């Protein structure tokens, strides 16, 4: 059985990828999922897969997670 990373920081980043790491995906039921473009799966944060969210929740998470990636690139 494959195990998801504990959170997105556990994955090696492709620092040369110019696009955002995390994007929104609308679902058929009207909810939203935060997609990790590196794995092409729902993002994981604190052992929680980020799906079945409202637009506001998902949008805030995408913005925050992408900002963390930008901040990590500056280190």
Protein backbone atom coordinates (compact mmCIF):
# COMPACT_ATOMS: atom_id res chain seq x y z
CA UNK A 1 0.00 0.00 0.00
CA UNK A 2 1.40 3.41 -0.92
CA UNK A 3 1.37 6.10 1.68
CA UNK A 4 0.77 9.77 1.00
CA UNK A 5 3.33 12.18 2.38
CA UNK A 6 2.52 13.64 5.78
CA UNK A 7 2.31 17.02 4.08
CA UNK A 8 3.50 18.70 0.91
CA UNK A 9 6.85 19.64 2.46
CA UNK A 10 7.84 15.95 2.42
CA UNK A 11 8.05 15.96 -1.40
CA UNK A 12 11.17 17.08 -3.25
CA UNK A 13 10.34 20.30 -5.05
CA UNK A 14 11.12 21.08 -8.67
CA UNK A 15 12.49 24.58 -8.12
CA UNK A 16 12.69 25.23 -11.88
CA UNK A 17 8.92 24.93 -12.43
CA UNK A 18 7.68 28.50 -12.96
CA UNK A 19 3.99 27.79 -12.41
CA UNK A 20 2.10 27.65 -9.13
CA UNK A 21 2.52 24.41 -7.21
CA UNK A 22 -1.10 24.33 -6.02
CA UNK A 23 -4.24 25.00 -8.07
CA UNK A 24 -8.01 24.80 -7.60
CA UNK A 25 -10.15 22.13 -9.15
CA UNK A 26 -13.94 22.40 -9.18
CA UNK A 27 -15.85 19.20 -8.54
CA UNK A 28 -19.22 18.08 -9.97
CA UNK A 29 -20.90 18.49 -6.57
CA UNK A 30 -19.93 22.17 -6.35
CA UNK A 31 -17.05 21.65 -3.92
CA UNK A 32 -13.40 22.40 -4.61
CA UNK A 33 -10.15 20.47 -4.29
CA UNK A 34 -6.64 21.85 -3.86
CA UNK A 35 -4.51 20.00 -6.41
CA UNK A 36 -0.75 19.56 -5.96
CA UNK A 37 0.59 19.90 -9.51
CA UNK A 38 3.75 17.99 -8.61
CA UNK A 39 1.80 14.81 -7.79
CA UNK A 40 -1.41 15.64 -9.71
CA UNK A 41 -3.41 14.54 -6.67
CA UNK A 42 -5.26 16.38 -3.90
CA UNK A 43 -2.83 18.27 -1.70
CA UNK A 44 -2.17 16.92 1.80
CA UNK A 45 -1.71 19.17 4.82
CA UNK A 46 -1.46 17.90 8.42
CA UNK A 47 -2.60 14.44 7.31
CA UNK A 48 -5.73 15.89 5.67
CA UNK A 49 -6.44 15.65 1.97
CA UNK A 50 -7.71 19.05 0.82
CA UNK A 51 -10.95 18.19 -0.96
CA UNK A 52 -14.70 18.84 -0.52
CA UNK A 53 -13.95 22.46 0.36
CA UNK A 54 -15.90 25.63 -0.24
CA UNK A 55 -14.46 27.98 -2.83
CA UNK A 56 -13.33 30.39 -0.10
CA UNK A 57 -11.53 27.65 1.86
CA UNK A 58 -9.81 26.22 -1.20
CA UNK A 59 -8.87 29.63 -2.58
CA UNK A 60 -7.32 30.68 0.76
CA UNK A 61 -5.40 27.41 1.01
CA UNK A 62 -4.08 27.67 -2.57
CA UNK A 63 -2.89 31.21 -1.92
CA UNK A 64 -1.26 30.30 1.41
CA UNK A 65 0.43 27.13 0.17
CA UNK A 66 1.79 28.82 -2.95
CA UNK A 67 3.10 31.69 -0.82
CA UNK A 68 4.93 29.17 1.37
CA UNK A 69 6.55 27.69 -1.74
CA UNK A 70 7.64 31.18 -2.86
CA UNK A 71 9.03 31.91 0.60
CA UNK A 72 10.95 28.59 0.60
CA UNK A 73 12.52 29.47 -2.77
CA UNK A 74 13.97 32.62 -1.21
CA UNK A 75 15.78 30.72 1.53
